[in-house]
Amino acid sequence: MRQEQFIARHQQEWVEFERWLQARAARPRKARADIHWRGMADIDVPVVYRRLARQLGLARRRGYSPHLLERLQELVQRGHDVLYRPPPPRWQRAIEFFIADFPRLVRAESGVMWASTLLFLLPLLASFVALQFKPELIHTLMPPQQVAQWEEMYSKAAQKLGRSSGDDLQMFGYYIFNNISIGLRTYASGLLAGIGPVLTIAFNGVMIGMVAGHLQNVGLGDPFWRFAAGHASFELTAIVISGGAGLRLSLALLAPGRRTRVNALIEDGKRGAALCLGMFLMLVIAAFIEAFWSSIGTIPAAVKYGVAAVLWALVLAWLALGGRDRDAAR
């Protein structure tokens, strides 16, 4: 075959492959497994690459021009660098997941996330307001000993806000265990076909609203708000996300669509597991702030609230904008 005929036959595929390489260079963080491209009529890129390597060998054997050989060699080398480069180390993949993939997954589940937000906030606000009019309602959920313990934790005599004993490191471990167990139970309640996550999310909201409302009534609102403000952005948001993951699991049982319930549970369970992994990291951060920052009672309220505002802004911006570059690259 003459060189002109060889070029005419394969030129379009070379151009398409080069476009794919340029697109990958423009979005280097794209997953390495993404090897299909609509611009190539949904052809597997590895298949095209292997064909290109054979064409380079033919061009060499037939003694085609150095210019053509140089072009094909460059395409083969660039394709090899993209397709066969080693995957990023695990720590890098973990960071990329937390920074970009996790917020993208939260946004993809916006329906259940908004439902979880309402199920959490409405009972919280309702119980807080109710206690301003009927303070005795606190005893419907908590025994007197527990109420007295809450008051002791935020009294002027407390050495550390939000705790009656334990040093910072001990409380850090306790907060991790306690908060993550709440988040995982909320997610797992999704297996109770809708009833579980609704009741669990609402109950968490009622409990927090009751405690906040009671402490506000007895004059301990200032230390409580100074304590809760710092870590609330990570902790409360993580609880809402775990509730959304639980609701998604319930929908897999109640409305699997065209999927079988088993397949729906497997598919949505994987998404829920990814959400729980992000929630776990958020709660570890919340526990760190709670143990080493929130508990300090000598820091002025203005500083505590200022830091809290910054943390809320960062969390909301991260969930709203994290991974947007990957969305745009699709």
Protein backbone atom coordinates (compact mmCIF):
# COMPACT_ATOMS: atom_id res chain seq x y z
CA MET A 1 0.00 0.00 0.00
CA ARG A 2 1.32 3.43 -0.93
CA GLN A 3 1.94 5.92 1.86
CA GLU A 4 -0.78 8.31 0.62
CA GLN A 5 -3.38 5.52 0.70
CA PHE A 6 -2.18 4.43 4.15
CA ILE A 7 -2.56 7.96 5.51
CA ALA A 8 -5.97 8.47 3.87
CA ARG A 9 -7.29 5.23 5.38
CA HIS A 10 -6.17 5.90 8.97
CA GLN A 11 -5.89 9.68 9.19
CA GLN A 12 -9.30 10.25 10.83
CA GLU A 13 -8.62 7.74 13.59
CA TRP A 14 -5.25 9.35 14.32
CA VAL A 15 -6.88 12.76 14.60
CA GLU A 16 -9.57 11.42 16.94
CA PHE A 17 -6.98 9.68 19.11
CA GLU A 18 -4.95 12.87 19.33
CA ARG A 19 -8.07 14.77 20.41
CA TRP A 20 -8.64 12.23 23.14
CA LEU A 21 -5.06 12.69 24.35
CA GLN A 22 -5.54 16.46 24.42
CA ALA A 23 -8.79 16.07 26.35
CA ARG A 24 -7.09 13.85 28.92
CA ALA A 25 -4.25 16.34 29.28
CA ALA A 26 -6.80 19.08 30.00
CA ARG A 27 -8.33 17.03 32.84
CA PRO A 28 -5.51 14.97 34.37
CA ARG A 29 -7.51 14.04 37.48
CA LYS A 30 -10.08 12.11 35.46
CA ALA A 31 -10.30 8.48 36.51
CA ARG A 32 -7.89 6.25 34.64
CA ALA A 33 -10.70 3.76 33.96
CA ASP A 34 -12.51 6.29 31.76
CA ILE A 35 -11.30 4.91 28.42
CA HIS A 36 -14.39 5.52 26.29
CA TRP A 37 -14.86 8.70 24.32
CA ARG A 38 -17.94 9.70 22.37
CA GLY A 39 -15.80 11.58 19.89
CA MET A 40 -14.51 8.17 18.78
CA ALA A 41 -17.95 6.68 18.23
CA ASP A 42 -17.77 4.95 21.62
CA ILE A 43 -14.74 2.87 20.53
CA ASP A 44 -12.53 1.51 23.30
CA VAL A 45 -9.40 3.64 23.35
CA PRO A 46 -7.13 0.64 24.16
CA VAL A 47 -8.35 -1.05 20.97
CA VAL A 48 -7.50 2.05 18.95
CA TYR A 49 -4.13 2.29 20.68
CA ARG A 50 -3.19 -1.30 19.83
CA ARG A 51 -4.23 -0.71 16.23
CA LEU A 52 -2.10 2.42 16.13
CA ALA A 53 0.92 0.45 17.43
CA ARG A 54 0.46 -2.11 14.61
CA GLN A 55 0.23 0.70 12.07
CA LEU A 56 3.54 2.09 13.35
CA GLY A 57 5.16 -1.32 12.83
CA LEU A 58 3.76 -1.53 9.29
CA ALA A 59 4.98 1.96 8.48
CA ARG A 60 8.48 1.05 9.60
CA ARG A 61 8.58 -2.18 7.58
CA ARG A 62 7.31 -0.44 4.46
CA GLY A 63 9.86 2.36 4.76
CA TYR A 64 7.40 5.24 4.96
CA SER A 65 8.68 8.81 5.43
CA PRO A 66 10.47 9.83 8.65
CA HIS A 67 7.84 12.54 9.19
CA LEU A 68 5.02 9.95 9.27
CA LEU A 69 7.03 7.59 11.47
CA GLU A 70 7.76 10.42 13.90
CA ARG A 71 4.07 11.33 14.12
CA LEU A 72 2.95 7.76 14.76
CA GLN A 73 5.75 7.19 17.28
CA GLU A 74 4.68 10.29 19.19
CA LEU A 75 1.03 9.16 19.29
CA VAL A 76 2.00 5.68 20.47
CA GLN A 77 4.28 7.07 23.18
CA ARG A 78 1.68 9.55 24.45
CA GLY A 79 -0.98 6.85 24.45
CA HIS A 80 1.29 4.50 26.39
CA ASP A 81 1.97 7.19 28.99
CA VAL A 82 -1.76 7.72 29.55
CA LEU A 83 -3.01 4.14 29.44
CA TYR A 84 -0.21 2.37 31.29
CA ARG A 85 0.92 4.90 33.86
CA PRO A 86 0.71 3.59 37.44
CA PRO A 87 -2.34 4.59 39.51
CA PRO A 88 -1.86 7.36 42.06
CA PRO A 89 -0.87 6.26 45.59
CA ARG A 90 -3.66 5.43 48.00
CA TRP A 91 -3.17 8.54 50.11
CA GLN A 92 -3.62 10.70 47.02
CA ARG A 93 -6.76 8.82 46.00
CA ALA A 94 -8.14 9.23 49.53
CA ILE A 95 -7.54 12.98 49.45
CA GLU A 96 -9.12 13.27 45.99
CA PHE A 97 -12.14 11.30 47.19
CA PHE A 98 -12.67 13.53 50.22
CA ILE A 99 -12.06 16.80 48.38
CA ALA A 100 -13.86 16.10 45.09
CA ASP A 101 -15.65 12.74 44.77
CA PHE A 102 -17.49 12.86 48.10
CA PRO A 103 -19.11 16.31 47.60
CA ARG A 104 -20.04 15.27 44.04
CA LEU A 105 -21.79 12.19 45.45
CA VAL A 106 -23.62 14.29 48.04
CA ARG A 107 -24.85 16.63 45.29
CA ALA A 108 -25.90 13.68 43.14
CA GLU A 109 -28.15 12.57 46.02
CA SER A 110 -29.59 16.06 46.56
CA GLY A 111 -33.18 14.80 46.84
CA VAL A 112 -32.63 12.54 49.85
CA MET A 113 -30.14 15.04 51.32
CA TRP A 114 -32.72 17.85 51.35
CA ALA A 115 -35.31 15.45 52.80
CA SER A 116 -32.87 14.48 55.55
CA THR A 117 -32.14 18.16 56.25
CA LEU A 118 -35.82 18.93 56.75
CA LEU A 119 -36.38 15.81 58.86
CA PHE A 120 -33.53 16.93 61.11
CA LEU A 121 -34.04 20.70 61.31
CA LEU A 122 -37.82 20.89 61.70
CA PRO A 123 -37.97 18.66 64.83
CA LEU A 124 -34.89 20.43 66.22
CA LEU A 125 -36.45 23.88 65.87
CA ALA A 126 -39.87 22.68 67.02
CA SER A 127 -38.51 21.08 70.19
CA PHE A 128 -36.34 24.12 70.97
CA VAL A 129 -39.29 26.50 70.62
CA ALA A 130 -41.61 24.18 72.56
CA LEU A 131 -39.28 24.23 75.56
CA GLN A 132 -39.37 28.01 75.67
CA PHE A 133 -43.08 27.77 76.45
CA LYS A 134 -43.16 24.47 78.39
CA PRO A 135 -39.79 23.86 80.09
CA GLU A 136 -41.09 20.73 81.80
CA LEU A 137 -41.11 18.90 78.44
CA ILE A 138 -37.41 18.14 78.91
CA HIS A 139 -38.36 15.47 81.46
CA THR A 140 -40.41 13.56 78.87
CA LEU A 141 -37.18 12.52 77.15
CA MET A 142 -34.57 12.64 79.90
CA PRO A 143 -34.50 11.53 83.53
CA PRO A 144 -33.62 14.18 86.16
CA GLN A 145 -30.12 12.76 86.61
CA GLN A 146 -29.30 13.23 82.95
CA VAL A 147 -30.71 16.75 82.93
CA ALA A 148 -28.57 17.60 85.96
CA GLN A 149 -25.51 16.16 84.19
CA TRP A 150 -26.11 18.41 81.17
CA GLU A 151 -26.38 21.44 83.45
CA GLU A 152 -23.15 20.49 85.23
CA MET A 153 -21.28 20.21 81.92
CA TYR A 154 -22.04 23.85 81.08
CA SER A 155 -21.94 25.41 84.52
CA LYS A 156 -19.49 28.14 85.48
CA ALA A 157 -17.65 25.63 87.67
CA ALA A 158 -16.90 23.32 84.71
CA GLN A 159 -13.20 23.27 83.87
CA LYS A 160 -13.97 22.24 80.30
CA LEU A 161 -17.18 22.98 78.42
CA GLY A 162 -19.33 20.05 77.37
CA ARG A 163 -17.78 17.46 79.66
CA SER A 164 -17.74 16.50 83.30
CA SER A 165 -14.44 14.54 83.21
CA GLY A 166 -11.68 13.28 80.92
CA ASP A 167 -8.75 14.99 79.25
CA ASP A 168 -8.73 16.22 75.66
CA LEU A 169 -7.24 13.07 74.14
CA GLN A 170 -9.66 10.77 75.96
CA MET A 171 -12.62 12.86 74.89
CA PHE A 172 -11.36 12.92 71.31
CA GLY A 173 -11.59 9.12 71.22
CA TYR A 174 -14.97 9.16 72.94
CA TYR A 175 -16.40 11.71 70.50
CA ILE A 176 -15.18 9.67 67.52
CA PHE A 177 -16.82 6.50 68.84
CA ASN A 178 -20.06 8.19 69.89
CA ASN A 179 -20.61 10.33 66.80
CA ILE A 180 -19.66 7.67 64.27
CA SER A 181 -21.90 5.12 65.96
CA ILE A 182 -24.81 7.58 65.64
CA GLY A 183 -24.02 8.15 61.97
CA LEU A 184 -23.72 4.45 61.16
CA ARG A 185 -26.93 3.59 63.03
CA THR A 186 -28.73 6.32 61.11
CA TYR A 187 -27.50 4.90 57.81
CA ALA A 188 -28.24 1.28 58.75
CA SER A 189 -31.78 2.24 59.79
CA GLY A 190 -32.48 2.58 56.06
CA LEU A 191 -32.97 -1.19 55.98
CA LEU A 192 -36.20 -0.64 57.92
CA ALA A 193 -37.93 0.48 54.71
CA GLY A 194 -38.26 4.19 55.31
CA ILE A 195 -39.49 4.16 58.90
CA GLY A 196 -36.03 3.72 60.39
CA PRO A 197 -34.21 6.73 58.92
CA VAL A 198 -37.20 9.06 59.33
CA LEU A 199 -37.53 8.25 63.05
CA THR A 200 -33.76 8.24 63.66
CA ILE A 201 -33.11 11.58 61.95
CA ALA A 202 -36.11 13.23 63.61
CA PHE A 203 -35.16 11.84 67.04
CA ASN A 204 -31.63 13.22 66.74
CA GLY A 205 -33.11 16.61 65.89
CA VAL A 206 -35.52 16.48 68.84
CA MET A 207 -32.76 15.53 71.29
CA ILE A 208 -30.44 18.33 70.21
CA GLY A 209 -33.31 20.84 70.24
CA MET A 210 -34.40 19.72 73.70
CA VAL A 211 -30.94 20.00 75.20
CA ALA A 212 -30.32 23.40 73.61
CA GLY A 213 -33.75 24.66 74.64
CA HIS A 214 -33.37 23.52 78.24
CA LEU A 215 -29.89 25.00 78.68
CA GLN A 216 -31.13 28.25 77.19
CA ASN A 217 -34.02 28.27 79.70
CA VAL A 218 -31.81 27.78 82.75
CA GLY A 219 -29.34 30.50 81.79
CA LEU A 220 -26.62 28.23 80.39
CA GLY A 221 -27.18 29.12 76.75
CA ASP A 222 -23.98 31.15 76.42
CA PRO A 223 -21.52 28.34 77.33
CA PHE A 224 -23.56 25.82 75.34
CA TRP A 225 -23.57 27.89 72.15
CA ARG A 226 -19.87 28.69 72.53
CA PHE A 227 -19.18 24.97 72.85
CA ALA A 228 -21.44 23.77 70.01
CA ALA A 229 -20.61 26.49 67.48
CA GLY A 230 -17.14 25.25 66.56
CA HIS A 231 -17.79 21.64 65.58
CA ALA A 232 -21.45 21.91 64.54
CA SER A 233 -20.63 22.55 60.88
CA PHE A 234 -18.93 19.16 60.45
CA GLU A 235 -20.96 17.15 62.96
CA LEU A 236 -24.50 18.22 62.08
CA THR A 237 -23.82 18.13 58.35
CA ALA A 238 -22.41 14.60 58.68
CA ILE A 239 -25.51 13.47 60.57
CA VAL A 240 -27.73 14.88 57.81
CA ILE A 241 -25.63 13.10 55.16
CA SER A 242 -25.88 9.79 57.02
CA GLY A 243 -29.64 10.30 57.14
CA GLY A 244 -29.73 10.93 53.40
CA ALA A 245 -27.73 7.74 52.82
CA GLY A 246 -30.23 5.85 54.98
CA LEU A 247 -33.14 7.27 52.98
CA ARG A 248 -31.45 6.20 49.74
CA LEU A 249 -31.16 2.68 51.14
CA SER A 250 -34.85 2.71 52.00
CA LEU A 251 -35.76 3.82 48.49
CA ALA A 252 -33.83 0.86 47.12
CA LEU A 253 -36.20 -1.37 49.09
CA LEU A 254 -39.43 0.53 48.49
CA ALA A 255 -38.92 1.78 44.92
CA PRO A 256 -36.18 -0.16 43.13
CA GLY A 257 -37.55 0.83 39.72
CA ARG A 258 -36.63 -1.58 36.96
CA ARG A 259 -33.93 -3.13 39.11
CA THR A 260 -34.52 -6.10 41.37
CA ARG A 261 -34.50 -5.23 45.05
CA VAL A 262 -31.29 -7.18 45.54
CA ASN A 263 -29.51 -5.32 42.73
CA ALA A 264 -30.91 -2.02 43.96
CA LEU A 265 -29.66 -2.71 47.48
CA ILE A 266 -26.20 -3.66 46.20
CA GLU A 267 -25.92 -0.62 43.93
CA ASP A 268 -27.31 1.93 46.39
CA GLY A 269 -25.50 0.23 49.26
CA LYS A 270 -22.17 0.93 47.53
CA ARG A 271 -23.11 4.61 47.17
CA GLY A 272 -24.17 4.65 50.80
CA ALA A 273 -20.87 3.10 51.85
CA ALA A 274 -19.00 5.86 50.00
CA LEU A 275 -21.17 8.46 51.73
CA CYS A 276 -20.44 6.82 55.08
CA LEU A 277 -16.72 6.96 54.40
CA GLY A 278 -16.93 10.72 53.83
CA MET A 279 -19.18 11.05 56.87
CA PHE A 280 -16.59 9.17 58.94
CA LEU A 281 -13.87 11.65 57.96
CA MET A 282 -16.17 14.59 58.72
CA LEU A 283 -16.95 13.23 62.17
CA VAL A 284 -13.27 12.66 62.94
CA ILE A 285 -12.66 16.34 62.12
CA ALA A 286 -15.67 17.30 64.24
CA ALA A 287 -14.38 15.21 67.16
CA PHE A 288 -10.97 16.87 66.93
CA ILE A 289 -12.50 20.35 67.02
CA GLU A 290 -14.88 19.35 69.81
CA ALA A 291 -12.13 17.94 72.01
CA PHE A 292 -9.35 20.46 71.48
CA TRP A 293 -11.17 23.71 70.62
CA SER A 294 -14.87 23.71 71.54
CA SER A 295 -14.24 22.69 75.14
CA ILE A 296 -12.01 25.71 75.90
CA GLY A 297 -14.18 28.03 77.98
CA THR A 298 -11.77 30.96 78.23
CA ILE A 299 -11.96 31.92 74.55
CA PRO A 300 -14.29 34.92 74.01
CA ALA A 301 -17.64 34.26 72.37
CA ALA A 302 -16.83 36.57 69.46
CA VAL A 303 -13.79 34.46 68.57
CA LYS A 304 -15.71 31.20 68.89
CA TYR A 305 -18.54 32.45 66.68
CA GLY A 306 -16.13 33.94 64.16
CA VAL A 307 -14.31 30.63 63.77
CA ALA A 308 -17.64 28.83 63.55
CA ALA A 309 -18.79 31.13 60.74
CA VAL A 310 -15.60 30.44 58.80
CA LEU A 311 -15.99 26.67 59.27
CA TRP A 312 -19.63 26.75 58.16
CA ALA A 313 -18.66 28.73 55.06
CA LEU A 314 -15.87 26.25 54.25
CA VAL A 315 -18.08 23.17 54.71
CA LEU A 316 -20.95 24.55 52.63
CA ALA A 317 -18.60 25.79 49.89
CA TRP A 318 -16.82 22.42 49.83
CA LEU A 319 -20.09 20.46 49.47
CA ALA A 320 -21.43 22.89 46.85
CA LEU A 321 -18.28 23.34 44.77
CA GLY A 322 -16.00 20.35 45.44
CA GLY A 323 -15.35 18.38 42.25
CA ARG A 324 -17.08 20.92 39.98
CA ASP A 325 -14.14 20.73 37.59
CA ARG A 326 -14.83 17.03 37.09
CA ASP A 327 -18.51 17.72 36.47
CA ALA A 328 -17.58 20.24 33.80
CA ALA A 329 -15.17 17.82 32.17
CA ARG A 330 -17.87 15.23 31.54
